[in-house]
Amino acid sequence: MALVWMITVDFARPFHIARLRLRVLGFGGAIATLGGFLKTGNPELEHLVAIARERASLAKQVLFLSRTQQVFHLWHVVHRLFVRGARAHPHRRRDVAGLHVIKPLRLR
């Protein structure tokens, strides 16, 4: 779900920026910038657009890292079960160790 949101936001960003430029520039600026999709000659406005892009990029990175943290946490919980099982049954230790090496190789 987060991936869909990230793609949607990336797709919508140019339209949001164009709308921002149109609000600031008005009708005359809309013609000169092809509906707000081209850069303007206004350095203050373009600086604001750059800041907005940076903030959007940071928000996307935060979302990605939070999802990565959740996946790592789940992996850690499952991994602990294997390790505890190997400690309880020492003869299974090599089987559990083999899963770490063999399983990823079979995925290739």
C-alpha atoms as a PDB file:
ATOM      1  CA  MET A   1       0.000   0.000   0.000  1.00  0.00           C
ATOM      2  CA  ALA A   2       2.844   2.375   0.792  1.00  0.00           C
ATOM      3  CA  LEU A   3       4.408   1.702  -2.601  1.00  0.00           C
ATOM      4  CA  VAL A   4       1.152   2.630  -4.349  1.00  0.00           C
ATOM      5  CA  TRP A   5       1.008   5.833  -2.307  1.00  0.00           C
ATOM      6  CA  MET A   6       4.609   6.703  -3.191  1.00  0.00           C
ATOM      7  CA  ILE A   7       3.968   6.194  -6.911  1.00  0.00           C
ATOM      8  CA  THR A   8       0.762   8.228  -6.756  1.00  0.00           C
ATOM      9  CA  VAL A   9       2.505  11.112  -5.008  1.00  0.00           C
ATOM     10  CA  ASP A  10       5.367  11.032  -7.521  1.00  0.00           C
ATOM     11  CA  PHE A  11       2.912  11.115 -10.407  1.00  0.00           C
ATOM     12  CA  ALA A  12       0.845  13.973  -8.906  1.00  0.00           C
ATOM     13  CA  ARG A  13       3.788  16.191  -7.886  1.00  0.00           C
ATOM     14  CA  PRO A  14       4.281  18.013 -11.238  1.00  0.00           C
ATOM     15  CA  PHE A  15       0.584  18.873 -11.297  1.00  0.00           C
ATOM     16  CA  HIS A  16       0.720  20.290  -7.770  1.00  0.00           C
ATOM     17  CA  ILE A  17       3.751  22.383  -8.682  1.00  0.00           C
ATOM     18  CA  ALA A  18       2.046  23.632 -11.831  1.00  0.00           C
ATOM     19  CA  ARG A  19      -1.002  24.624  -9.792  1.00  0.00           C
ATOM     20  CA  LEU A  20       1.228  26.498  -7.322  1.00  0.00           C
ATOM     21  CA  ARG A  21       2.891  28.411 -10.165  1.00  0.00           C
ATOM     22  CA  LEU A  22      -0.495  29.289 -11.660  1.00  0.00           C
ATOM     23  CA  ARG A  23      -1.761  30.649  -8.341  1.00  0.00           C
ATOM     24  CA  VAL A  24       1.239  32.916  -8.022  1.00  0.00           C
ATOM     25  CA  LEU A  25       1.600  34.004 -11.657  1.00  0.00           C
ATOM     26  CA  GLY A  26      -2.006  34.295 -12.801  1.00  0.00           C
ATOM     27  CA  PHE A  27      -3.311  34.007 -16.370  1.00  0.00           C
ATOM     28  CA  GLY A  28      -0.348  35.680 -18.070  1.00  0.00           C
ATOM     29  CA  GLY A  29       2.084  33.362 -16.331  1.00  0.00           C
ATOM     30  CA  ALA A  30      -0.016  30.357 -17.294  1.00  0.00           C
ATOM     31  CA  ILE A  31       0.569  31.050 -20.973  1.00  0.00           C
ATOM     32  CA  ALA A  32       4.285  31.770 -20.570  1.00  0.00           C
ATOM     33  CA  THR A  33       4.908  28.606 -18.514  1.00  0.00           C
ATOM     34  CA  LEU A  34       2.577  26.275 -20.467  1.00  0.00           C
ATOM     35  CA  GLY A  35       0.092  25.935 -17.643  1.00  0.00           C
ATOM     36  CA  GLY A  36       2.725  26.131 -14.912  1.00  0.00           C
ATOM     37  CA  PHE A  37       4.759  23.149 -16.075  1.00  0.00           C
ATOM     38  CA  LEU A  38       7.802  25.194 -17.156  1.00  0.00           C
ATOM     39  CA  LYS A  39      10.060  27.148 -14.827  1.00  0.00           C
ATOM     40  CA  THR A  40       9.365  30.817 -14.343  1.00  0.00           C
ATOM     41  CA  GLY A  41      11.773  33.710 -14.212  1.00  0.00           C
ATOM     42  CA  ASN A  42      10.747  34.322 -10.592  1.00  0.00           C
ATOM     43  CA  PRO A  43      13.661  33.188  -8.369  1.00  0.00           C
ATOM     44  CA  GLU A  44      11.602  33.345  -5.169  1.00  0.00           C
ATOM     45  CA  LEU A  45       8.896  31.114  -6.593  1.00  0.00           C
ATOM     46  CA  GLU A  46      11.394  28.625  -7.976  1.00  0.00           C
ATOM     47  CA  HIS A  47      13.148  28.563  -4.593  1.00  0.00           C
ATOM     48  CA  LEU A  48       9.817  27.658  -2.968  1.00  0.00           C
ATOM     49  CA  VAL A  49       9.269  24.938  -5.557  1.00  0.00           C
ATOM     50  CA  ALA A  50      12.724  23.519  -4.807  1.00  0.00           C
ATOM     51  CA  ILE A  51      11.962  23.501  -1.080  1.00  0.00           C
ATOM     52  CA  ALA A  52       8.627  21.758  -1.702  1.00  0.00           C
ATOM     53  CA  ARG A  53      10.372  19.105  -3.819  1.00  0.00           C
ATOM     54  CA  GLU A  54      12.970  18.559  -1.098  1.00  0.00           C
ATOM     55  CA  ARG A  55      10.280  18.179   1.570  1.00  0.00           C
ATOM     56  CA  ALA A  56       8.370  15.694  -0.602  1.00  0.00           C
ATOM     57  CA  SER A  57      11.540  13.695  -1.182  1.00  0.00           C
ATOM     58  CA  LEU A  58      12.290  13.587   2.535  1.00  0.00           C
ATOM     59  CA  ALA A  59       8.730  12.516   3.349  1.00  0.00           C
ATOM     60  CA  LYS A  60       9.023   9.692   0.820  1.00  0.00           C
ATOM     61  CA  GLN A  61      12.320   8.564   2.335  1.00  0.00           C
ATOM     62  CA  VAL A  62      10.815   8.603   5.836  1.00  0.00           C
ATOM     63  CA  LEU A  63       7.924   6.447   4.641  1.00  0.00           C
ATOM     64  CA  PHE A  64      10.271   3.998   2.920  1.00  0.00           C
ATOM     65  CA  LEU A  65      12.517   3.728   5.979  1.00  0.00           C
ATOM     66  CA  SER A  66       9.578   3.210   8.343  1.00  0.00           C
ATOM     67  CA  ARG A  67       8.288   0.367   6.146  1.00  0.00           C
ATOM     68  CA  THR A  68      11.778  -1.117   5.994  1.00  0.00           C
ATOM     69  CA  GLN A  69      11.975  -0.968   9.780  1.00  0.00           C
ATOM     70  CA  GLN A  70       8.655  -2.814  10.075  1.00  0.00           C
ATOM     71  CA  VAL A  71       9.841  -5.553   7.716  1.00  0.00           C
ATOM     72  CA  PHE A  72      13.116  -5.901   9.609  1.00  0.00           C
ATOM     73  CA  HIS A  73      11.235  -6.133  12.906  1.00  0.00           C
ATOM     74  CA  LEU A  74       9.054  -8.949  11.547  1.00  0.00           C
ATOM     75  CA  TRP A  75      12.112 -10.733  10.174  1.00  0.00           C
ATOM     76  CA  HIS A  76      13.772 -10.412  13.556  1.00  0.00           C
ATOM     77  CA  VAL A  77      10.773 -11.923  15.373  1.00  0.00           C
ATOM     78  CA  VAL A  78      10.679 -14.928  13.029  1.00  0.00           C
ATOM     79  CA  HIS A  79      14.459 -15.323  13.122  1.00  0.00           C
ATOM     80  CA  ARG A  80      14.420 -15.449  16.916  1.00  0.00           C
ATOM     81  CA  LEU A  81      12.032 -18.414  16.760  1.00  0.00           C
ATOM     82  CA  PHE A  82      14.506 -20.332  14.602  1.00  0.00           C
ATOM     83  CA  VAL A  83      17.401 -19.497  16.902  1.00  0.00           C
ATOM     84  CA  ARG A  84      15.487 -20.533  20.016  1.00  0.00           C
ATOM     85  CA  GLY A  85      14.469 -23.748  18.286  1.00  0.00           C
ATOM     86  CA  ALA A  86      18.101 -24.472  17.444  1.00  0.00           C
ATOM     87  CA  ARG A  87      19.159 -23.909  21.051  1.00  0.00           C
ATOM     88  CA  ALA A  88      16.437 -26.215  22.340  1.00  0.00           C
ATOM     89  CA  HIS A  89      17.390 -28.939  19.838  1.00  0.00           C
ATOM     90  CA  PRO A  90      21.145 -28.809  19.209  1.00  0.00           C
ATOM     91  CA  HIS A  91      20.965 -31.565  16.569  1.00  0.00           C
ATOM     92  CA  ARG A  92      18.793 -29.234  14.431  1.00  0.00           C
ATOM     93  CA  ARG A  93      21.301 -26.405  14.600  1.00  0.00           C
ATOM     94  CA  ARG A  94      22.961 -27.304  11.307  1.00  0.00           C
ATOM     95  CA  ASP A  95      19.536 -27.490   9.606  1.00  0.00           C
ATOM     96  CA  VAL A  96      18.675 -23.978  10.772  1.00  0.00           C
ATOM     97  CA  ALA A  97      22.116 -22.717   9.745  1.00  0.00           C
ATOM     98  CA  GLY A  98      21.611 -24.323   6.345  1.00  0.00           C
ATOM     99  CA  LEU A  99      18.381 -22.388   5.852  1.00  0.00           C
ATOM    100  CA  HIS A 100      20.317 -19.137   6.027  1.00  0.00           C
ATOM    101  CA  VAL A 101      22.604 -20.196   3.198  1.00  0.00           C
ATOM    102  CA  ILE A 102      20.575 -22.558   1.026  1.00  0.00           C
ATOM    103  CA  LYS A 103      17.246 -20.729   0.886  1.00  0.00           C
ATOM    104  CA  PRO A 104      18.625 -17.495  -0.602  1.00  0.00           C
ATOM    105  CA  LEU A 105      20.650 -19.473  -3.138  1.00  0.00           C
ATOM    106  CA  ARG A 106      17.535 -21.350  -4.306  1.00  0.00           C
ATOM    107  CA  LEU A 107      15.757 -18.049  -4.978  1.00  0.00           C
ATOM    108  CA  ARG A 108      18.225 -17.090  -7.718  1.00  0.00           C
END
